[in-house]
Amino acid sequence: MGLFVRLRRRASKAQCIDCGKLFSLGSNKPGKQTVHGLKCHLEKCHKDIYTLHMRKVESRQQGPPAKKRETGRGIVGAL
């Protein structure tokens, strides 16, 4: 379940599902967009949702370590 909806007509904006406020993603180009403002909004205005989100992120980060594979140049971490 997403916490924000990216606007189709305004690719550089996202809308909070809970309160409806609009936020800038910094760019209309996906590779240059950032979610910093969205995280700050959750932390400031929706603390319960932010806490649940951060627990989910932490549990993903504590998962099993990435497998390593051998290539012709040495050992490289799997992406």
C-alpha atoms as a PDB file:
ATOM      1  CA  MET A   1       0.000   0.000   0.000  1.00  0.00           C
ATOM      2  CA  GLY A   2       1.436   3.360  -0.997  1.00  0.00           C
ATOM      3  CA  LEU A   3       1.338   6.369   1.298  1.00  0.00           C
ATOM      4  CA  PHE A   4       1.479   8.877  -1.564  1.00  0.00           C
ATOM      5  CA  VAL A   5       0.065   8.994  -5.076  1.00  0.00           C
ATOM      6  CA  ARG A   6       2.163  10.349  -7.937  1.00  0.00           C
ATOM      7  CA  LEU A   7       0.110  12.739 -10.048  1.00  0.00           C
ATOM      8  CA  ARG A   8      -0.216  11.840 -13.722  1.00  0.00           C
ATOM      9  CA  ARG A   9      -0.521  15.367 -15.092  1.00  0.00           C
ATOM     10  CA  ARG A  10       2.161  16.796 -12.792  1.00  0.00           C
ATOM     11  CA  ALA A  11       4.966  14.226 -12.789  1.00  0.00           C
ATOM     12  CA  SER A  12       7.009  16.224 -10.270  1.00  0.00           C
ATOM     13  CA  LYS A  13       4.292  16.092  -7.564  1.00  0.00           C
ATOM     14  CA  ALA A  14       2.955  13.506  -5.127  1.00  0.00           C
ATOM     15  CA  GLN A  15      -0.166  13.700  -2.966  1.00  0.00           C
ATOM     16  CA  CYS A  16      -0.484  12.356   0.584  1.00  0.00           C
ATOM     17  CA  ILE A  17      -3.302   9.819   0.681  1.00  0.00           C
ATOM     18  CA  ASP A  18      -4.097  10.591   4.324  1.00  0.00           C
ATOM     19  CA  CYS A  19      -4.428  14.405   4.255  1.00  0.00           C
ATOM     20  CA  GLY A  20      -4.368  15.292   0.542  1.00  0.00           C
ATOM     21  CA  LYS A  21      -1.419  17.725   0.666  1.00  0.00           C
ATOM     22  CA  LEU A  22       0.759  18.055  -2.448  1.00  0.00           C
ATOM     23  CA  PHE A  23       4.545  17.679  -2.310  1.00  0.00           C
ATOM     24  CA  SER A  24       7.339  18.227  -4.784  1.00  0.00           C
ATOM     25  CA  LEU A  25       9.469  15.280  -5.847  1.00  0.00           C
ATOM     26  CA  GLY A  26      12.149  17.721  -7.028  1.00  0.00           C
ATOM     27  CA  SER A  27      11.963  16.873 -10.726  1.00  0.00           C
ATOM     28  CA  ASN A  28       9.656  15.459 -13.349  1.00  0.00           C
ATOM     29  CA  LYS A  29      12.390  12.989 -14.359  1.00  0.00           C
ATOM     30  CA  PRO A  30      12.131   9.741 -12.344  1.00  0.00           C
ATOM     31  CA  GLY A  31      15.897   9.298 -11.967  1.00  0.00           C
ATOM     32  CA  LYS A  32      16.246  12.703 -10.330  1.00  0.00           C
ATOM     33  CA  GLN A  33      13.268  12.536  -7.961  1.00  0.00           C
ATOM     34  CA  THR A  34      13.635  12.454  -4.180  1.00  0.00           C
ATOM     35  CA  VAL A  35      11.344  11.371  -1.342  1.00  0.00           C
ATOM     36  CA  HIS A  36      12.989  13.402   1.426  1.00  0.00           C
ATOM     37  CA  GLY A  37      10.087  15.851   1.676  1.00  0.00           C
ATOM     38  CA  LEU A  38       7.592  12.995   1.785  1.00  0.00           C
ATOM     39  CA  LYS A  39       9.431  11.328   4.673  1.00  0.00           C
ATOM     40  CA  CYS A  40       9.633  14.624   6.569  1.00  0.00           C
ATOM     41  CA  HIS A  41       5.879  15.125   6.091  1.00  0.00           C
ATOM     42  CA  LEU A  42       5.131  11.667   7.492  1.00  0.00           C
ATOM     43  CA  GLU A  43       7.457  12.184  10.447  1.00  0.00           C
ATOM     44  CA  LYS A  44       5.933  15.578  11.275  1.00  0.00           C
ATOM     45  CA  CYS A  45       2.227  15.106  10.495  1.00  0.00           C
ATOM     46  CA  HIS A  46       1.557  11.346  10.535  1.00  0.00           C
ATOM     47  CA  LYS A  47       3.847   9.944  13.258  1.00  0.00           C
ATOM     48  CA  ASP A  48       2.008   6.623  13.540  1.00  0.00           C
ATOM     49  CA  ILE A  49       2.294   5.924   9.808  1.00  0.00           C
ATOM     50  CA  TYR A  50       5.938   7.058   9.824  1.00  0.00           C
ATOM     51  CA  THR A  51       6.761   4.689  12.707  1.00  0.00           C
ATOM     52  CA  LEU A  52       5.179   1.726  10.904  1.00  0.00           C
ATOM     53  CA  HIS A  53       6.993   2.624   7.675  1.00  0.00           C
ATOM     54  CA  MET A  54      10.380   2.891   9.405  1.00  0.00           C
ATOM     55  CA  ARG A  55       9.894  -0.481  11.124  1.00  0.00           C
ATOM     56  CA  LYS A  56       9.165  -2.032   7.744  1.00  0.00           C
ATOM     57  CA  VAL A  57      12.288  -0.437   6.228  1.00  0.00           C
ATOM     58  CA  GLU A  58      14.460  -1.605   9.142  1.00  0.00           C
ATOM     59  CA  SER A  59      13.156  -5.170   8.888  1.00  0.00           C
ATOM     60  CA  ARG A  60      14.032  -5.195   5.172  1.00  0.00           C
ATOM     61  CA  GLN A  61      17.539  -3.952   5.924  1.00  0.00           C
ATOM     62  CA  GLN A  62      18.075  -6.666   8.549  1.00  0.00           C
ATOM     63  CA  GLY A  63      17.223  -9.437   6.091  1.00  0.00           C
ATOM     64  CA  PRO A  64      19.765 -12.023   4.955  1.00  0.00           C
ATOM     65  CA  PRO A  65      23.019 -10.641   3.532  1.00  0.00           C
ATOM     66  CA  ALA A  66      23.276 -10.301  -0.228  1.00  0.00           C
ATOM     67  CA  LYS A  67      24.745 -13.305  -2.010  1.00  0.00           C
ATOM     68  CA  LYS A  68      28.074 -12.852  -3.716  1.00  0.00           C
ATOM     69  CA  ARG A  69      28.840 -14.246  -7.121  1.00  0.00           C
ATOM     70  CA  GLU A  70      32.111 -14.801  -8.829  1.00  0.00           C
ATOM     71  CA  THR A  71      32.849 -13.064 -12.110  1.00  0.00           C
ATOM     72  CA  GLY A  72      35.885 -13.008 -14.350  1.00  0.00           C
ATOM     73  CA  ARG A  73      37.286  -9.994 -12.460  1.00  0.00           C
ATOM     74  CA  GLY A  74      36.881 -11.289  -8.900  1.00  0.00           C
ATOM     75  CA  ILE A  75      34.011 -11.423  -6.452  1.00  0.00           C
ATOM     76  CA  VAL A  76      31.244  -8.857  -6.895  1.00  0.00           C
ATOM     77  CA  GLY A  77      28.226  -8.339  -4.569  1.00  0.00           C
ATOM     78  CA  ALA A  78      24.922  -9.236  -6.142  1.00  0.00           C
ATOM     79  CA  LEU A  79      22.625  -6.288  -6.761  1.00  0.00           C
END
